[in-house]
Amino acid sequence: MKISRRTILAAGAALATMTAAGPAFAASEYTLRIHTLVKSPHPYNDMAEAMKAEIEEASDGRVEVRIFDSGQLGQDPAVIGEMAFGTIDIMISTTSNAVQQIPEFGIFTMPYLFGGMDEALAAVGPGTDVHAHFEQVYADRGVGMKLLALGGSGTRNMSTKSVPIEGPADLAGLKMRTPPSPMDSKTWAAFDMLPVTVAWGELYAAMQTGVAEAMESSLPGYTGSKLYEVAPNLALTEHTVQLNHTSISEITWNKLPEDLQQIVEEAAISANIYGVEQAKGYDAALVETLQTDHGVTVTRPDKQAFMEVLAPLQVELAESLDLATEYALLKQ
């Protein structure tokens, strides 16, 4: 077979490029794949980028980090299963999507548990009793993951297909999308709503077709997934601070030498602090963008009215869902 001069020159140029980048490429001993479920702009993707930058720099290129956002590697329940086999290395996601494997995470969807994101981070951050508790929960549950960090990534708010929400009475009878979380189902049933479980990746279609008529989410999630197109009425209920977990496959963790384990863990902790600051900025800016650019109707209901419905249920919910230990830790 005759090889053209053009082909030879192209191959030579490619080889020269690889050679120029050779030391960094050759030094890469490990590749870590990070999963997020969301589209940018979103704190999770910002956190993933921050982790990538810190890990690659601190490891002097020994570790290469690849980010797969927007659910490219699957929905969270399937990803958690892959993590147990070490085929996916790290995930950054909301705790509510992991309650099937880690039921104790259900406590974090309790409405009005925290006064804000700073308060949430102080309660669940590294070195806290809550973080230590969930490290042990991971081990006891045998989920095949190690918890690196917990953090906050925005407030969660209500949005609906056709009814602007001014107060609790407006919720009665609406089909409310929930993740697979008993806490969410019981919470919204207290407002006489009809809970329906829908995966995040299927939510747009569910709202569009009327399978669900109401939903709640973070503002970045609502915006990034264009849910304002099918749920254009946004009520700033700020009923929960969205808690996220950064977790690593135990198989992956055990493959890493101690110095790289420390680098990865420190990067996760730093990324979660960064994520809180990013989330604050997103929440403030996105409300204005949603109104001006996308025609979203924004209401600001009196949160106290929602709290009055839910406050008497907090202890009851925690006990009925076997989350009294977690509730007590967060309230101590």
Protein backbone atom coordinates (compact mmCIF):
# COMPACT_ATOMS: atom_id res chain seq x y z
CA MET A 1 0.00 0.00 0.00
CA LYS A 2 1.35 3.40 -1.00
CA ILE A 3 1.40 6.04 1.73
CA SER A 4 1.12 9.63 0.56
CA ARG A 5 3.52 12.37 1.55
CA ARG A 6 0.57 14.26 3.06
CA THR A 7 -0.23 11.31 5.35
CA ILE A 8 3.40 11.06 6.45
CA LEU A 9 3.51 14.79 7.23
CA ALA A 10 0.23 14.61 9.17
CA ALA A 11 1.48 11.66 11.20
CA GLY A 12 4.72 13.51 11.88
CA ALA A 13 2.84 16.56 13.11
CA ALA A 14 0.68 14.45 15.40
CA LEU A 15 3.76 12.72 16.79
CA ALA A 16 5.43 16.08 17.40
CA THR A 17 2.35 17.27 19.31
CA MET A 18 2.32 14.14 21.45
CA THR A 19 6.03 14.47 22.11
CA ALA A 20 5.64 18.08 23.19
CA ALA A 21 2.97 17.03 25.64
CA GLY A 22 4.81 13.83 26.43
CA PRO A 23 6.04 14.36 30.00
CA ALA A 24 2.60 15.28 31.34
CA PHE A 25 0.92 12.50 29.39
CA ALA A 26 3.47 9.87 30.39
CA ALA A 27 3.34 10.92 34.05
CA SER A 28 -0.38 10.19 34.30
CA GLU A 29 -0.62 7.03 36.40
CA TYR A 30 -4.34 7.18 37.22
CA THR A 31 -7.46 8.40 35.45
CA LEU A 32 -10.48 9.40 37.51
CA ARG A 33 -13.91 9.73 35.95
CA ILE A 34 -16.28 12.18 37.67
CA HIS A 35 -20.04 11.89 37.16
CA THR A 36 -22.57 14.68 37.54
CA LEU A 37 -26.21 14.50 36.57
CA VAL A 38 -26.67 18.15 35.65
CA LYS A 39 -26.04 20.57 32.80
CA SER A 40 -24.06 23.76 33.22
CA PRO A 41 -24.33 26.29 34.68
CA HIS A 42 -24.54 24.35 37.95
CA PRO A 43 -22.46 24.20 41.17
CA TYR A 44 -21.86 20.45 40.69
CA ASN A 45 -20.08 21.01 37.41
CA ASP A 46 -18.15 23.93 38.89
CA MET A 47 -17.11 21.66 41.74
CA ALA A 48 -16.03 18.96 39.31
CA GLU A 49 -13.88 21.46 37.40
CA ALA A 50 -12.35 22.70 40.65
CA MET A 51 -11.54 19.15 41.72
CA LYS A 52 -9.99 18.39 38.35
CA ALA A 53 -7.74 21.46 38.49
CA GLU A 54 -6.62 20.87 42.08
CA ILE A 55 -6.02 17.13 41.73
CA GLU A 56 -4.07 17.39 38.49
CA GLU A 57 -1.92 20.25 39.78
CA ALA A 58 -1.31 18.85 43.27
CA SER A 59 -0.45 15.41 41.87
CA ASP A 60 2.00 16.89 39.34
CA GLY A 61 0.05 15.25 36.55
CA ARG A 62 0.11 11.77 38.08
CA VAL A 63 -3.70 11.85 38.06
CA GLU A 64 -5.82 12.79 35.06
CA VAL A 65 -9.44 13.74 35.78
CA ARG A 66 -12.21 13.45 33.20
CA ILE A 67 -15.62 15.00 33.80
CA PHE A 68 -18.85 13.50 32.46
CA ASP A 69 -21.73 15.87 33.17
CA SER A 70 -25.41 15.89 32.14
CA GLY A 71 -25.91 12.24 33.11
CA GLN A 72 -23.64 10.95 30.34
CA LEU A 73 -22.73 7.96 32.52
CA GLY A 74 -26.33 7.28 33.58
CA GLN A 75 -28.82 8.23 36.26
CA ASP A 76 -27.65 8.34 39.87
CA PRO A 77 -28.97 4.94 41.07
CA ALA A 78 -27.20 3.17 38.20
CA VAL A 79 -24.05 5.23 38.73
CA ILE A 80 -23.94 4.26 42.40
CA GLY A 81 -24.05 0.64 41.28
CA GLU A 82 -21.18 1.25 38.85
CA MET A 83 -19.20 2.95 41.62
CA ALA A 84 -19.34 -0.29 43.60
CA PHE A 85 -17.56 -2.02 40.70
CA GLY A 86 -15.04 0.80 40.25
CA THR A 87 -16.14 1.52 36.67
CA ILE A 88 -17.01 5.10 37.70
CA ASP A 89 -14.68 6.73 40.19
CA ILE A 90 -16.27 9.85 41.69
CA MET A 91 -19.75 11.32 41.77
CA ILE A 92 -21.02 14.73 42.81
CA SER A 93 -24.78 14.78 43.25
CA THR A 94 -27.71 15.54 45.49
CA THR A 95 -28.17 13.32 48.52
CA SER A 96 -31.88 12.88 47.73
CA ASN A 97 -31.02 10.78 44.66
CA ALA A 98 -29.14 8.28 46.85
CA VAL A 99 -31.80 7.52 49.46
CA GLN A 100 -32.54 4.09 48.00
CA GLN A 101 -28.99 2.99 48.80
CA ILE A 102 -28.47 5.31 51.79
CA PRO A 103 -31.89 5.87 53.45
CA GLU A 104 -30.29 8.06 56.12
CA PHE A 105 -29.76 10.74 53.48
CA GLY A 106 -33.53 11.23 53.59
CA ILE A 107 -33.11 13.57 56.55
CA PHE A 108 -31.64 16.24 54.29
CA THR A 109 -34.88 16.69 52.36
CA MET A 110 -36.70 17.71 55.54
CA PRO A 111 -37.99 21.23 54.84
CA TYR A 112 -36.65 24.17 56.82
CA LEU A 113 -34.01 22.05 58.52
CA PHE A 114 -31.32 24.71 57.93
CA GLY A 115 -31.47 28.48 57.92
CA GLY A 116 -29.20 28.78 54.88
CA MET A 117 -26.25 27.29 53.01
CA ASP A 118 -23.59 28.52 55.43
CA GLU A 119 -25.48 26.97 58.33
CA ALA A 120 -25.81 23.72 56.40
CA LEU A 121 -22.10 23.54 55.59
CA ALA A 122 -21.20 24.24 59.21
CA ALA A 123 -23.44 21.37 60.28
CA VAL A 124 -22.26 18.72 57.80
CA GLY A 125 -18.75 19.77 56.79
CA PRO A 126 -15.47 17.90 57.44
CA GLY A 127 -14.72 17.23 61.09
CA THR A 128 -18.37 17.39 62.15
CA ASP A 129 -20.24 14.62 63.93
CA VAL A 130 -22.66 14.49 61.00
CA HIS A 131 -19.89 13.83 58.48
CA ALA A 132 -18.37 11.14 60.69
CA HIS A 133 -21.80 9.56 61.11
CA PHE A 134 -22.36 9.30 57.37
CA GLU A 135 -18.88 7.91 56.78
CA GLN A 136 -19.90 5.08 59.10
CA VAL A 137 -23.30 4.74 57.40
CA TYR A 138 -21.53 4.20 54.07
CA ALA A 139 -19.44 1.45 55.63
CA ASP A 140 -22.40 -0.19 57.38
CA ARG A 141 -24.55 -0.09 54.25
CA GLY A 142 -21.82 -1.62 52.10
CA VAL A 143 -22.53 0.70 49.19
CA GLY A 144 -19.01 0.36 47.79
CA MET A 145 -18.29 4.06 48.17
CA LYS A 146 -16.34 6.30 50.52
CA LEU A 147 -17.78 9.68 51.48
CA LEU A 148 -15.35 12.49 50.68
CA ALA A 149 -17.46 15.53 51.54
CA LEU A 150 -20.94 16.88 52.13
CA GLY A 151 -21.98 20.39 51.16
CA GLY A 152 -24.80 22.71 50.15
CA SER A 153 -25.54 23.68 46.56
CA GLY A 154 -28.46 26.06 46.60
CA THR A 155 -31.96 26.39 47.94
CA ARG A 156 -34.78 24.34 46.50
CA ASN A 157 -37.96 26.01 45.36
CA MET A 158 -41.37 25.05 44.05
CA SER A 159 -42.47 25.41 40.43
CA THR A 160 -45.69 24.47 38.70
CA LYS A 161 -47.09 23.87 35.24
CA SER A 162 -50.09 26.20 35.41
CA VAL A 163 -50.84 27.51 38.93
CA PRO A 164 -48.85 30.38 40.50
CA ILE A 165 -48.17 29.57 44.16
CA GLU A 166 -48.98 32.30 46.67
CA GLY A 167 -49.48 30.07 49.71
CA PRO A 168 -50.00 26.49 50.93
CA ALA A 169 -53.64 26.41 49.85
CA ASP A 170 -52.59 26.62 46.20
CA LEU A 171 -50.84 23.24 46.40
CA ALA A 172 -53.87 21.09 47.21
CA GLY A 173 -54.64 18.44 44.60
CA LEU A 174 -51.56 19.02 42.42
CA LYS A 175 -49.56 16.00 41.28
CA MET A 176 -46.17 16.65 42.86
CA ARG A 177 -43.00 15.15 41.41
CA THR A 178 -40.70 13.69 44.04
CA PRO A 179 -37.41 11.80 43.84
CA PRO A 180 -37.44 8.27 45.35
CA SER A 181 -37.49 9.72 48.88
CA PRO A 182 -40.15 8.86 51.49
CA MET A 183 -39.39 12.16 53.24
CA ASP A 184 -40.37 14.10 50.11
CA SER A 185 -43.54 12.08 49.60
CA LYS A 186 -44.71 12.55 53.19
CA THR A 187 -43.77 16.24 53.19
CA TRP A 188 -45.82 17.18 50.14
CA ALA A 189 -48.71 14.94 51.11
CA ALA A 190 -49.04 17.19 54.19
CA PHE A 191 -50.18 19.93 51.78
CA ASP A 192 -52.79 17.59 50.25
CA MET A 193 -50.66 17.12 47.14
CA LEU A 194 -50.46 13.84 45.21
CA PRO A 195 -46.81 12.65 45.16
CA VAL A 196 -45.55 10.89 42.02
CA THR A 197 -42.01 9.51 41.81
CA VAL A 198 -40.17 10.60 38.66
CA ALA A 199 -36.44 10.35 37.90
CA TRP A 200 -34.69 13.66 37.27
CA GLY A 201 -33.83 12.73 33.69
CA GLU A 202 -37.52 12.09 32.98
CA LEU A 203 -38.87 15.19 34.72
CA TYR A 204 -39.15 17.48 31.69
CA ALA A 205 -41.33 14.98 29.85
CA ALA A 206 -43.39 14.27 32.98
CA MET A 207 -44.21 17.97 33.42
CA GLN A 208 -44.82 18.42 29.72
CA THR A 209 -47.33 15.57 29.53
CA GLY A 210 -49.04 16.24 32.86
CA VAL A 211 -47.77 13.13 34.65
CA ALA A 212 -46.66 15.71 37.20
CA GLU A 213 -48.05 19.24 37.67
CA ALA A 214 -45.65 20.55 40.29
CA MET A 215 -42.00 20.03 41.12
CA GLU A 216 -39.24 21.39 43.30
CA SER A 217 -35.58 21.83 42.50
CA SER A 218 -32.55 24.03 42.86
CA LEU A 219 -32.55 27.11 40.65
CA PRO A 220 -29.49 25.94 38.64
CA GLY A 221 -31.13 22.58 38.05
CA TYR A 222 -34.39 24.25 37.03
CA THR A 223 -32.57 26.58 34.63
CA GLY A 224 -29.93 24.21 33.24
CA SER A 225 -32.52 21.59 32.33
CA LYS A 226 -34.87 24.25 30.86
CA LEU A 227 -37.66 23.18 33.19
CA TYR A 228 -39.01 26.72 33.05
CA GLU A 229 -40.39 25.74 29.63
CA VAL A 230 -42.77 23.21 31.20
CA ALA A 231 -43.11 24.68 34.72
CA PRO A 232 -43.09 28.46 34.17
CA ASN A 233 -44.46 29.41 37.61
CA LEU A 234 -41.68 29.65 40.19
CA ALA A 235 -42.40 30.13 43.90
CA LEU A 236 -39.38 31.05 46.03
CA THR A 237 -40.32 28.84 48.96
CA GLU A 238 -36.65 28.08 49.80
CA HIS A 239 -37.99 25.08 51.68
CA THR A 240 -34.73 23.15 51.76
CA VAL A 241 -31.04 23.70 51.33
CA GLN A 242 -29.98 21.16 48.72
CA LEU A 243 -27.33 18.91 50.26
CA ASN A 244 -24.85 17.20 47.98
CA HIS A 245 -22.39 14.39 48.47
CA THR A 246 -19.02 13.90 46.84
CA SER A 247 -18.22 10.20 46.96
CA ILE A 248 -15.49 7.96 45.55
CA SER A 249 -15.57 4.29 44.64
CA GLU A 250 -13.97 2.18 47.37
CA ILE A 251 -12.18 0.19 44.67
CA THR A 252 -10.73 3.39 43.23
CA TRP A 253 -9.85 4.73 46.68
CA ASN A 254 -7.99 1.58 47.62
CA LYS A 255 -5.97 1.69 44.39
CA LEU A 256 -4.63 5.15 45.16
CA PRO A 257 -1.48 5.52 47.27
CA GLU A 258 -1.88 7.44 50.51
CA ASP A 259 -0.49 10.72 49.16
CA LEU A 260 -2.96 10.74 46.28
CA GLN A 261 -5.83 9.80 48.59
CA GLN A 262 -5.04 12.90 50.62
CA ILE A 263 -4.94 15.08 47.50
CA VAL A 264 -8.31 13.77 46.29
CA GLU A 265 -9.96 14.21 49.69
CA GLU A 266 -8.63 17.74 50.14
CA ALA A 267 -9.79 18.65 46.65
CA ALA A 268 -13.30 17.39 47.44
CA ILE A 269 -13.45 19.43 50.65
CA SER A 270 -12.24 22.58 48.87
CA ALA A 271 -14.69 22.00 46.02
CA ASN A 272 -17.63 21.78 48.40
CA ILE A 273 -16.75 25.10 50.01
CA TYR A 274 -16.43 26.59 46.52
CA GLY A 275 -19.76 25.05 45.55
CA VAL A 276 -21.58 26.88 48.34
CA GLU A 277 -20.24 30.24 47.15
CA GLN A 278 -21.11 29.43 43.55
CA ALA A 279 -24.62 28.39 44.55
CA LYS A 280 -25.24 31.71 46.33
CA GLY A 281 -24.31 33.61 43.20
CA TYR A 282 -26.42 31.40 40.95
CA ASP A 283 -29.50 31.70 43.13
CA ALA A 284 -29.37 35.50 43.13
CA ALA A 285 -28.63 35.91 39.42
CA LEU A 286 -30.90 33.19 38.09
CA VAL A 287 -34.12 34.60 39.52
CA GLU A 288 -33.62 37.78 37.50
CA THR A 289 -32.59 35.85 34.38
CA LEU A 290 -35.60 33.57 34.60
CA GLN A 291 -37.94 36.55 34.76
CA THR A 292 -36.34 38.75 32.13
CA ASP A 293 -35.08 36.19 29.61
CA HIS A 294 -37.56 33.33 29.96
CA GLY A 295 -40.79 34.98 31.08
CA VAL A 296 -41.07 32.97 34.28
CA THR A 297 -43.71 34.15 36.75
CA VAL A 298 -41.98 34.46 40.13
CA THR A 299 -43.88 34.61 43.41
CA ARG A 300 -42.47 35.07 46.89
CA PRO A 301 -44.85 33.32 49.28
CA ASP A 302 -44.68 33.91 53.02
CA LYS A 303 -42.38 31.07 54.12
CA GLN A 304 -43.78 31.20 57.62
CA ALA A 305 -47.09 29.83 56.32
CA PHE A 306 -45.28 26.78 54.94
CA MET A 307 -43.25 26.38 58.14
CA GLU A 308 -46.41 26.36 60.24
CA VAL A 309 -47.71 23.36 58.29
CA LEU A 310 -44.43 21.46 58.46
CA ALA A 311 -42.85 22.33 61.82
CA PRO A 312 -45.13 20.02 63.85
CA LEU A 313 -44.26 17.18 61.48
CA GLN A 314 -40.47 17.30 61.75
CA VAL A 315 -40.03 15.01 64.75
CA GLU A 316 -42.86 12.74 63.59
CA LEU A 317 -41.32 12.44 60.13
CA ALA A 318 -37.87 11.71 61.53
CA GLU A 319 -39.20 8.99 63.82
CA SER A 320 -41.54 7.40 61.28
CA LEU A 321 -38.74 7.16 58.72
CA ASP A 322 -36.21 5.85 61.25
CA LEU A 323 -34.17 9.05 60.99
CA ALA A 324 -34.32 10.12 64.64
CA THR A 325 -30.55 9.64 65.09
CA GLU A 326 -29.77 11.88 62.12
CA TYR A 327 -32.32 14.48 63.21
CA ALA A 328 -30.87 14.60 66.72
CA LEU A 329 -27.33 15.02 65.33
CA LEU A 330 -28.40 17.96 63.19
CA LYS A 331 -30.30 19.63 66.00
CA GLN A 332 -27.65 19.24 68.71
